[in-house]
Amino acid sequence: MDDLIHDDEIDPAWVEDEAEGVARKKKNYYTLWEKKNIVLEAYAEHGVIKRTARKYNIQANQIRKWRNNANALVELPAYPNPRTVDERSVIKAAKDNVTVHKGRASSIPNQDVNYILDFYHQLRERGIPVSALVLAIELQRVSPQLNHVAVEVLRRRVLRIMRKNNITHRCVTHKAQNIHYEQQIIDNFIHYVNQQIVAGRYSADVIINMDETNVDFDPSPRSTLCRIGERSVSARISGHSGRCTVVLACTMSGIKLPALVIWKGVPNGRIERECRGPLYQRGNVKHAVQVKGWMDSEKYQLWIRAVLVPYLNGRYGYMLQDQFSVHLKDENLIAVGRAGVEVDFIPAGYTPPCQVLDKGINKPFKQFLGQQCIAWLQGAPQGSKPDRVTITNWISNSWNQVSVDTITNTWNSLRLHPFEE
C-alpha cells in the first residue's frame, strides 16, 4: 500500500496552506482500485475498520460505503494491464455508478422535463439564445399547475435539470445571421468552382481569395490567467479607439499577397503623406486613406492596381469573393476583368464554410495581432497609445506569421483542387 496517495510523514492530517497560513485538512484521492484494496484490508480480519481508516486518513463510514459497492469494484478490469475501448467504457460506467450522485429527483413531472428539453433543442437548432428563465416561463405557460411556483424558484429547478443533462449557460463564441448551412448548397458551390478551375486551366498560384477585415488599434485579448476566486479580473489596455481596414488575399498554393491597410483620414492629407514616407514602407504592406477607413470602389480599384496586377504579372487569374456591395459594383467588376481575373462570388451567408480567409486565416491573423499588442504593452509607458507606424509593424509581423501550411490546409478543407497538366 506504499504507492497509495497519502503521506505517512504528515500526521495528523492537517497541513498548513502556504498562501493563507491556515491549517487545513489534507485531502486524499484514491482510485477505484485503491478503494478496493482498502476495503479488502479493512475486512481482512475482525475489528480493524477504524484502524484502517486512520491509516489512510479517511472516515470508517466511507469504507463501509465502498464495501456496499464492492461488486461493481470487483468487476473492473485489472490495472495496469492495457485496456481496450470496451474496458475503458466499463471503467467510466463504474465510476459514474459508484462515485457520481445525480442529486434528488426533480419535483417537475417527467413529461414537463421532456417538454422543456425538446423546446430547448428546437430553439438551439434555430440558433436562438436560450436561458433558464425562458424555459421556466414556457413551462408555466404549458403547465398551469406550476403557476403557483415563483418564477425564480422554477428557474433554479430548470437550471438543475439542464445541468443534469450536461447543459449550462455558456458565452457566445460565434455570431452570424446564418449559423445553419445546407450541405447541398456548399457541395454545389464547391463542384461549380472545381469545374471553373478545370475550364480555365487555373493553377494553384493564380487561384485567389480576397477579403476585408477590421483591425482595432487596441486588439487586446479578452481573457487572462488570474487567481481563482477573484471578484474582479482587470487587464491593462492602450485605450486607443482607432481602427483601420486590412485587405488580405492569398492563393491556393499558400502565397500571401501584400496586405492593403486603409487608414481613416482625408485623401492627400497629412496621414496619406506620412504613409508615403520611409517609416511605413514594408514589403508585405501597402497603404491607402479613406474618410472613414472603409473599403470603397476607389480603394478596391487601387488594390487591383497596386496588389493584384503586380502579383499576376500578365497571367490570368481566378478569384473568389463574398457578396460585399463594393465587390458587386459594375465598375469594379469591369476593373477586375481588365486585370485578366475571373471572379466568382460565394453564396450569401456561406462565407464561414466556403471562404478560405473566414474559415481558417483571419482568426490566427487576429490572434497574432493580439500577441503583438501584448508585447508592445509590456514595454510601453503607462498611458501611451500605439501610433500608425507601430500598427503597421503589427500588421506586417502578423501577416508574416500566418504559415503556408495554415493557408494550404484551409484551401484543402474546402475540397478545391487546382488544374494540373
Protein backbone atom coordinates (compact mmCIF):
# COMPACT_ATOMS: atom_id res chain seq x y z
CA MET A 1 0.00 0.00 0.00
CA ASP A 2 3.04 2.29 -0.08
CA ASP A 3 2.05 3.57 -3.51
CA LEU A 4 -1.33 4.92 -2.31
CA ILE A 5 -1.89 8.65 -2.40
CA HIS A 6 -1.17 9.61 1.20
CA ASP A 7 1.84 10.76 3.17
CA ASP A 8 2.74 8.92 6.40
CA GLU A 9 5.06 11.73 7.47
CA ILE A 10 2.20 14.25 7.77
CA ASP A 11 0.25 13.31 10.91
CA PRO A 12 -2.21 14.41 11.99
CA ALA A 13 -3.84 15.05 8.63
CA TRP A 14 -3.71 18.81 8.94
CA VAL A 15 -1.41 20.79 6.69
CA GLU A 16 -0.69 24.50 6.52
CA ASP A 17 -1.90 26.40 3.47
CA GLU A 18 1.21 28.23 2.20
CA ALA A 19 -0.80 31.03 0.59
CA GLU A 20 -3.02 31.82 3.59
CA GLY A 21 -1.09 30.37 6.55
CA VAL A 22 -4.19 28.48 7.72
CA ALA A 23 -4.28 24.85 8.82
CA ARG A 24 -6.49 22.84 6.52
CA LYS A 25 -7.34 19.18 6.44
CA LYS A 26 -5.31 17.38 3.80
CA LYS A 27 -7.44 15.76 1.10
CA ASN A 28 -6.55 12.30 -0.17
CA TYR A 29 -7.64 11.00 -3.56
CA TYR A 30 -7.92 7.28 -4.26
CA THR A 31 -8.56 5.41 -7.48
CA LEU A 32 -11.21 2.70 -7.65
CA TRP A 33 -8.53 0.01 -7.42
CA GLU A 34 -7.04 1.63 -4.32
CA LYS A 35 -10.51 1.80 -2.76
CA LYS A 36 -10.96 -1.90 -3.42
CA ASN A 37 -7.64 -2.71 -1.73
CA ILE A 38 -8.55 -0.57 1.29
CA VAL A 39 -11.88 -2.40 1.64
CA LEU A 40 -10.13 -5.78 1.44
CA GLU A 41 -7.61 -4.73 4.09
CA ALA A 42 -10.30 -3.35 6.42
CA TYR A 43 -12.35 -6.56 6.30
CA ALA A 44 -9.41 -8.97 6.26
CA GLU A 45 -9.93 -9.58 9.99
CA HIS A 46 -12.44 -8.54 12.63
CA GLY A 47 -12.32 -5.09 14.27
CA VAL A 48 -9.74 -3.32 12.09
CA ILE A 49 -12.03 -0.99 10.11
CA LYS A 50 -11.31 2.09 12.24
CA ARG A 51 -7.60 1.32 12.36
CA THR A 52 -7.54 1.04 8.58
CA ALA A 53 -9.49 4.29 8.29
CA ARG A 54 -6.92 6.12 10.47
CA LYS A 55 -4.09 4.63 8.45
CA TYR A 56 -5.45 6.08 5.21
CA ASN A 57 -6.86 9.25 6.77
CA ILE A 58 -10.47 8.57 5.85
CA GLN A 59 -13.72 8.02 7.74
CA ALA A 60 -14.65 4.49 8.76
CA ASN A 61 -18.12 5.06 7.37
CA GLN A 62 -16.55 5.79 4.00
CA ILE A 63 -15.01 2.31 3.92
CA ARG A 64 -18.42 0.82 4.65
CA LYS A 65 -19.90 2.76 1.72
CA TRP A 66 -17.14 1.50 -0.54
CA ARG A 67 -17.90 -2.07 0.58
CA ASN A 68 -21.55 -1.64 -0.45
CA ASN A 69 -20.29 -1.07 -3.98
CA ALA A 70 -17.77 -3.91 -3.83
CA ASN A 71 -19.46 -5.86 -6.60
CA ALA A 72 -19.00 -3.00 -9.06
CA LEU A 73 -15.39 -2.54 -7.95
CA VAL A 74 -14.53 -6.23 -8.27
CA GLU A 75 -15.79 -6.34 -11.85
CA LEU A 76 -13.36 -3.64 -13.04
CA PRO A 77 -10.59 -4.73 -15.43
CA ALA A 78 -7.25 -5.36 -13.78
CA TYR A 79 -4.83 -2.45 -13.55
CA PRO A 80 -2.35 -1.55 -15.04
CA ASN A 81 -2.87 -4.03 -17.89
CA PRO A 82 -3.53 -2.41 -21.30
CA ARG A 83 -7.21 -1.55 -21.66
CA THR A 84 -9.40 -1.90 -24.70
CA VAL A 85 -12.09 0.60 -25.66
CA ASP A 86 -14.74 -1.67 -24.13
CA GLU A 87 -12.80 -1.93 -20.87
CA ARG A 88 -12.47 1.87 -20.68
CA SER A 89 -16.23 2.10 -21.15
CA VAL A 90 -16.76 -0.31 -18.25
CA ILE A 91 -14.43 1.78 -16.09
CA LYS A 92 -16.23 5.01 -16.93
CA ALA A 93 -19.63 3.48 -16.25
CA ALA A 94 -18.42 2.07 -12.93
CA LYS A 95 -17.10 5.47 -11.87
CA ASP A 96 -20.43 7.06 -12.71
CA ASN A 97 -22.32 4.40 -10.76
CA VAL A 98 -20.03 4.42 -7.74
CA THR A 99 -18.80 7.97 -7.30
CA VAL A 100 -21.31 10.26 -9.03
CA HIS A 101 -24.61 11.22 -7.43
CA LYS A 102 -27.13 12.90 -9.71
CA GLY A 103 -28.95 14.58 -6.84
CA ARG A 104 -32.52 14.19 -5.68
CA ALA A 105 -35.28 13.66 -8.20
CA SER A 106 -36.81 16.81 -9.67
CA SER A 107 -40.19 17.98 -8.41
CA ILE A 108 -41.14 18.78 -12.02
CA PRO A 109 -43.07 15.91 -13.68
CA ASN A 110 -41.15 13.85 -16.24
CA GLN A 111 -43.44 14.87 -19.08
CA ASP A 112 -42.69 18.55 -18.37
CA VAL A 113 -38.96 17.79 -18.15
CA ASN A 114 -39.08 16.11 -21.56
CA TYR A 115 -41.04 19.05 -22.96
CA ILE A 116 -38.56 21.73 -21.89
CA LEU A 117 -35.65 19.61 -23.18
CA ASP A 118 -37.38 19.30 -26.57
CA PHE A 119 -38.21 23.01 -26.50
CA TYR A 120 -34.57 23.83 -25.75
CA HIS A 121 -33.30 21.69 -28.65
CA GLN A 122 -35.79 23.25 -31.07
CA LEU A 123 -34.64 26.77 -30.19
CA ARG A 124 -30.94 25.94 -30.34
CA GLU A 125 -31.30 24.23 -33.72
CA ARG A 126 -32.57 27.57 -35.00
CA GLY A 127 -29.66 29.39 -33.32
CA ILE A 128 -31.90 31.23 -30.84
CA PRO A 129 -30.29 32.04 -27.44
CA VAL A 130 -31.95 30.20 -24.56
CA SER A 131 -31.83 30.86 -20.82
CA ALA A 132 -33.23 29.02 -17.84
CA LEU A 133 -35.65 31.91 -17.32
CA VAL A 134 -37.05 31.49 -20.85
CA LEU A 135 -37.60 27.79 -20.19
CA ALA A 136 -39.22 28.50 -16.80
CA ILE A 137 -41.70 30.93 -18.35
CA GLU A 138 -42.52 28.46 -21.13
CA LEU A 139 -43.01 25.72 -18.54
CA GLN A 140 -45.52 27.84 -16.64
CA ARG A 141 -47.33 28.54 -19.89
CA VAL A 142 -47.84 24.88 -20.81
CA SER A 143 -48.30 23.60 -17.23
CA PRO A 144 -50.85 25.71 -15.33
CA GLN A 145 -50.35 23.58 -12.19
CA LEU A 146 -46.91 25.25 -11.83
CA ASN A 147 -48.29 28.80 -11.81
CA HIS A 148 -48.25 28.85 -8.00
CA VAL A 149 -44.44 28.39 -8.08
CA ALA A 150 -42.45 31.64 -8.20
CA VAL A 151 -40.63 32.16 -11.50
CA GLU A 152 -37.23 32.47 -9.79
CA VAL A 153 -37.76 29.18 -7.93
CA LEU A 154 -38.84 27.48 -11.13
CA ARG A 155 -35.83 28.94 -12.95
CA ARG A 156 -33.46 27.32 -10.44
CA ARG A 157 -35.25 24.00 -10.78
CA VAL A 158 -35.00 24.18 -14.56
CA LEU A 159 -31.30 25.04 -14.32
CA ARG A 160 -30.67 21.95 -12.18
CA ILE A 161 -32.48 19.80 -14.74
CA MET A 162 -30.40 21.25 -17.57
CA ARG A 163 -27.15 20.69 -15.70
CA LYS A 164 -28.06 17.05 -15.13
CA ASN A 165 -28.30 16.81 -18.92
CA ASN A 166 -24.87 18.44 -19.41
CA ILE A 167 -26.42 21.77 -20.48
CA THR A 168 -25.43 25.06 -18.88
CA HIS A 169 -25.05 28.75 -19.69
CA ARG A 170 -22.08 29.45 -21.97
CA CYS A 171 -20.59 32.51 -23.66
CA VAL A 172 -21.43 33.01 -27.33
CA THR A 173 -18.31 32.49 -29.47
CA HIS A 174 -19.79 32.99 -32.94
CA LYS A 175 -22.42 35.44 -34.14
CA ALA A 176 -23.88 35.43 -37.63
CA GLN A 177 -27.16 35.99 -39.40
CA ASN A 178 -26.93 32.43 -40.69
CA ILE A 179 -25.46 29.72 -38.48
CA HIS A 180 -27.01 26.68 -40.16
CA TYR A 181 -25.71 25.71 -43.57
CA GLU A 182 -27.30 23.45 -46.15
CA GLN A 183 -24.69 20.91 -47.15
CA GLN A 184 -26.21 20.65 -50.62
CA ILE A 185 -25.58 24.36 -51.25
CA ILE A 186 -21.98 24.00 -50.12
CA ASP A 187 -21.43 20.90 -52.26
CA ASN A 188 -22.96 22.58 -55.32
CA PHE A 189 -20.72 25.63 -54.90
CA ILE A 190 -17.56 23.53 -54.47
CA HIS A 191 -18.47 21.42 -57.51
CA TYR A 192 -19.09 24.56 -59.59
CA VAL A 193 -15.78 26.16 -58.57
CA ASN A 194 -13.84 22.99 -59.40
CA GLN A 195 -15.47 22.95 -62.84
CA GLN A 196 -14.46 26.59 -63.39
CA ILE A 197 -10.88 25.81 -62.37
CA VAL A 198 -10.67 22.99 -64.89
CA ALA A 199 -12.34 25.03 -67.64
CA GLY A 200 -9.96 27.96 -67.11
CA ARG A 201 -6.94 25.68 -66.53
CA TYR A 202 -6.05 27.69 -63.41
CA SER A 203 -3.04 26.57 -61.40
CA ALA A 204 -2.80 26.93 -57.62
CA ASP A 205 -0.69 30.10 -57.91
CA VAL A 206 -3.45 32.09 -59.64
CA ILE A 207 -6.48 30.91 -57.60
CA ILE A 208 -7.03 33.71 -55.09
CA ASN A 209 -9.32 34.53 -52.20
CA MET A 210 -9.60 38.16 -51.08
CA ASP A 211 -11.43 39.64 -48.11
CA GLU A 212 -11.50 42.73 -45.90
CA THR A 213 -11.17 42.55 -42.11
CA ASN A 214 -11.40 45.20 -39.41
CA VAL A 215 -8.38 45.87 -37.19
CA ASP A 216 -8.72 47.80 -33.95
CA PHE A 217 -5.76 49.77 -32.64
CA ASP A 218 -6.28 48.08 -29.26
CA PRO A 219 -6.64 44.35 -30.13
CA SER A 220 -6.07 43.19 -26.55
CA PRO A 221 -7.29 39.64 -25.74
CA ARG A 222 -10.49 39.05 -23.79
CA SER A 223 -9.01 36.56 -21.29
CA THR A 224 -6.04 36.33 -18.93
CA LEU A 225 -4.67 34.00 -16.29
CA CYS A 226 -5.90 35.06 -12.88
CA ARG A 227 -6.23 33.66 -9.38
CA ILE A 228 -9.37 31.58 -8.89
CA GLY A 229 -12.00 33.32 -6.79
CA GLU A 230 -11.07 36.93 -7.51
CA ARG A 231 -14.21 39.00 -7.97
CA SER A 232 -12.63 41.46 -10.41
CA VAL A 233 -10.26 40.47 -13.23
CA SER A 234 -8.50 43.54 -14.61
CA ALA A 235 -6.39 43.97 -17.73
CA ARG A 236 -4.41 46.93 -18.96
CA ILE A 237 -5.28 48.24 -22.44
CA SER A 238 -3.88 51.01 -24.57
CA GLY A 239 -7.24 52.78 -24.69
CA HIS A 240 -6.86 53.62 -28.38
CA SER A 241 -10.26 53.82 -30.11
CA GLY A 242 -8.85 53.99 -33.65
CA ARG A 243 -9.37 51.36 -36.32
CA CYS A 244 -8.49 50.56 -39.92
CA THR A 245 -9.46 48.09 -42.64
CA VAL A 246 -6.96 45.49 -43.82
CA VAL A 247 -7.42 43.78 -47.20
CA LEU A 248 -5.95 40.29 -47.18
CA ALA A 249 -5.55 37.89 -50.09
CA CYS A 250 -3.88 34.51 -50.51
CA THR A 251 -3.56 31.85 -53.20
CA MET A 252 -4.29 28.14 -53.14
CA SER A 253 -0.54 27.46 -53.18
CA GLY A 254 -0.08 29.37 -49.92
CA ILE A 255 1.30 32.64 -51.32
CA LYS A 256 0.24 35.73 -49.36
CA LEU A 257 -0.34 38.88 -51.39
CA PRO A 258 0.69 42.17 -49.75
CA ALA A 259 -1.90 43.47 -47.28
CA LEU A 260 -3.57 46.79 -48.10
CA VAL A 261 -4.17 48.92 -44.99
CA ILE A 262 -6.92 51.53 -45.38
CA TRP A 263 -6.42 54.25 -42.75
CA LYS A 264 -9.05 56.71 -41.65
CA GLY A 265 -8.12 60.15 -42.93
CA VAL A 266 -8.51 62.79 -45.60
CA PRO A 267 -7.17 61.85 -49.06
CA ASN A 268 -3.97 63.78 -49.86
CA GLY A 269 -3.88 64.94 -46.24
CA ARG A 270 -1.30 64.57 -43.50
CA ILE A 271 -1.89 60.87 -42.86
CA GLU A 272 -1.59 59.95 -46.53
CA ARG A 273 1.62 61.95 -46.85
CA GLU A 274 3.05 60.19 -43.80
CA CYS A 275 2.17 56.78 -45.25
CA ARG A 276 4.30 57.57 -48.30
CA GLY A 277 7.34 58.09 -46.05
CA PRO A 278 10.06 55.52 -45.38
CA LEU A 279 8.80 54.66 -41.87
CA TYR A 280 5.69 52.98 -43.30
CA GLN A 281 7.34 51.01 -46.07
CA ARG A 282 7.09 47.24 -45.65
CA GLY A 283 7.46 44.57 -48.30
CA ASN A 284 4.14 42.93 -47.43
CA VAL A 285 2.04 46.04 -46.64
CA LYS A 286 0.53 48.74 -48.86
CA HIS A 287 -1.28 51.87 -47.63
CA ALA A 288 -4.35 53.87 -48.59
CA VAL A 289 -6.52 56.52 -46.92
CA GLN A 290 -10.31 56.81 -46.87
CA VAL A 291 -12.53 59.25 -44.98
CA LYS A 292 -13.98 56.53 -42.73
CA GLY A 293 -11.26 53.93 -43.12
CA TRP A 294 -13.55 51.65 -45.13
CA MET A 295 -13.31 49.86 -48.44
CA ASP A 296 -14.97 51.69 -51.33
CA SER A 297 -14.80 51.45 -55.13
CA GLU A 298 -11.78 53.75 -55.35
CA LYS A 299 -9.78 51.68 -52.83
CA TYR A 300 -10.92 48.43 -54.41
CA GLN A 301 -9.55 49.50 -57.77
CA LEU A 302 -6.40 50.73 -56.03
CA TRP A 303 -5.96 47.22 -54.58
CA ILE A 304 -6.30 45.78 -58.09
CA ARG A 305 -3.62 48.12 -59.46
CA ALA A 306 -1.21 48.03 -56.52
CA VAL A 307 -1.52 44.40 -55.36
CA LEU A 308 -3.35 42.09 -57.75
CA VAL A 309 -1.93 43.16 -61.13
CA PRO A 310 1.74 43.22 -59.98
CA TYR A 311 1.34 39.74 -58.47
CA LEU A 312 -0.22 38.13 -61.55
CA ASN A 313 2.27 39.87 -63.85
CA GLY A 314 0.29 39.20 -67.01
CA ARG A 315 -1.14 35.82 -66.02
CA TYR A 316 -4.86 35.11 -65.98
CA GLY A 317 -6.33 34.54 -62.53
CA TYR A 318 -9.40 33.22 -60.76
CA MET A 319 -10.68 34.95 -57.62
CA LEU A 320 -13.33 34.07 -55.02
CA GLN A 321 -15.04 36.87 -53.10
CA ASP A 322 -18.00 37.37 -50.80
CA GLN A 323 -21.03 39.38 -51.89
CA PHE A 324 -19.92 42.65 -50.31
CA SER A 325 -21.68 45.54 -52.08
CA VAL A 326 -18.38 47.08 -53.24
CA HIS A 327 -17.35 43.78 -54.88
CA LEU A 328 -20.61 43.65 -56.84
CA LYS A 329 -20.46 47.11 -58.40
CA ASP A 330 -20.25 47.16 -62.19
CA GLU A 331 -17.24 49.44 -62.36
CA ASN A 332 -15.28 47.13 -60.04
CA LEU A 333 -16.25 44.01 -61.98
CA ILE A 334 -15.04 45.73 -65.16
CA ALA A 335 -11.77 46.73 -63.47
CA VAL A 336 -11.01 43.23 -62.23
CA GLY A 337 -11.94 41.79 -65.62
CA ARG A 338 -9.47 44.12 -67.33
CA ALA A 339 -6.80 42.77 -64.98
CA GLY A 340 -7.38 39.32 -66.51
CA VAL A 341 -9.15 37.87 -63.49
CA GLU A 342 -12.34 35.82 -63.50
CA VAL A 343 -14.44 36.38 -60.36
CA ASP A 344 -17.00 34.14 -58.68
CA PHE A 345 -18.99 35.03 -55.60
CA ILE A 346 -19.58 32.87 -52.53
CA PRO A 347 -23.27 32.25 -51.77
CA ALA A 348 -24.73 34.84 -49.41
CA GLY A 349 -24.45 33.76 -45.79
CA TYR A 350 -22.00 30.94 -46.57
CA THR A 351 -18.65 32.70 -46.13
CA PRO A 352 -17.75 30.84 -42.87
CA PRO A 353 -17.73 27.40 -44.52
CA CYS A 354 -16.84 28.46 -48.08
CA GLN A 355 -14.38 31.39 -47.84
CA VAL A 356 -10.76 30.50 -47.07
CA LEU A 357 -9.92 33.68 -45.19
CA ASP A 358 -13.02 33.49 -43.00
CA LYS A 359 -12.68 29.79 -42.36
CA GLY A 360 -9.09 29.49 -41.21
CA ILE A 361 -6.87 32.55 -41.76
CA ASN A 362 -8.46 35.68 -40.30
CA LYS A 363 -8.60 34.17 -36.82
CA PRO A 364 -4.88 33.32 -36.48
CA PHE A 365 -4.07 36.69 -38.05
CA LYS A 366 -6.10 38.43 -35.32
CA GLN A 367 -4.50 36.24 -32.64
CA PHE A 368 -1.04 37.26 -33.81
CA LEU A 369 -2.17 40.89 -33.68
CA GLY A 370 -3.22 40.41 -30.06
CA GLN A 371 0.18 38.93 -29.24
CA GLN A 372 1.90 41.90 -30.88
CA CYS A 373 -0.25 44.24 -28.77
CA ILE A 374 0.63 42.44 -25.52
CA ALA A 375 4.34 42.50 -26.37
CA TRP A 376 4.09 46.25 -27.02
CA LEU A 377 2.22 46.88 -23.74
CA GLN A 378 4.98 45.17 -21.75
CA GLY A 379 7.49 47.82 -22.76
CA ALA A 380 5.25 50.85 -23.30
CA PRO A 381 4.89 53.55 -20.61
CA GLN A 382 1.60 53.80 -18.76
CA GLY A 383 -0.96 55.80 -20.75
CA SER A 384 0.83 55.63 -24.09
CA LYS A 385 -1.00 54.65 -27.28
CA PRO A 386 0.35 52.91 -30.39
CA ASP A 387 0.93 55.11 -33.43
CA ARG A 388 0.34 54.14 -37.05
CA VAL A 389 3.92 53.01 -37.56
CA THR A 390 3.51 50.59 -34.64
CA ILE A 391 0.20 49.34 -36.04
CA THR A 392 1.90 48.85 -39.42
CA ASN A 393 4.57 46.72 -37.73
CA TRP A 394 1.87 44.64 -36.01
CA ILE A 395 0.05 44.01 -39.27
CA SER A 396 3.23 43.20 -41.17
CA ASN A 397 4.53 40.80 -38.50
CA SER A 398 1.15 39.12 -38.01
CA TRP A 399 0.69 38.56 -41.75
CA ASN A 400 4.20 37.09 -41.91
CA GLN A 401 3.37 34.72 -39.04
CA VAL A 402 0.44 33.13 -40.89
CA SER A 403 2.11 29.99 -42.22
CA VAL A 404 1.89 28.47 -45.67
CA ASP A 405 0.60 25.23 -44.11
CA THR A 406 -2.27 27.12 -42.48
CA ILE A 407 -3.31 28.55 -45.85
CA THR A 408 -2.95 25.36 -47.89
CA ASN A 409 -4.69 23.24 -45.24
CA THR A 410 -7.64 25.64 -45.24
CA TRP A 411 -7.90 25.50 -49.03
CA ASN A 412 -7.73 21.70 -48.89
CA SER A 413 -10.52 21.60 -46.32
CA LEU A 414 -12.82 23.14 -48.95
CA ARG A 415 -12.12 20.22 -51.32
CA LEU A 416 -10.98 22.59 -54.07
CA HIS A 417 -8.34 21.31 -56.48
CA PRO A 418 -6.08 23.24 -58.89
CA PHE A 419 -5.72 22.30 -62.52
CA GLU A 420 -2.76 20.07 -63.22
CA GLU A 421 -1.38 19.29 -66.66
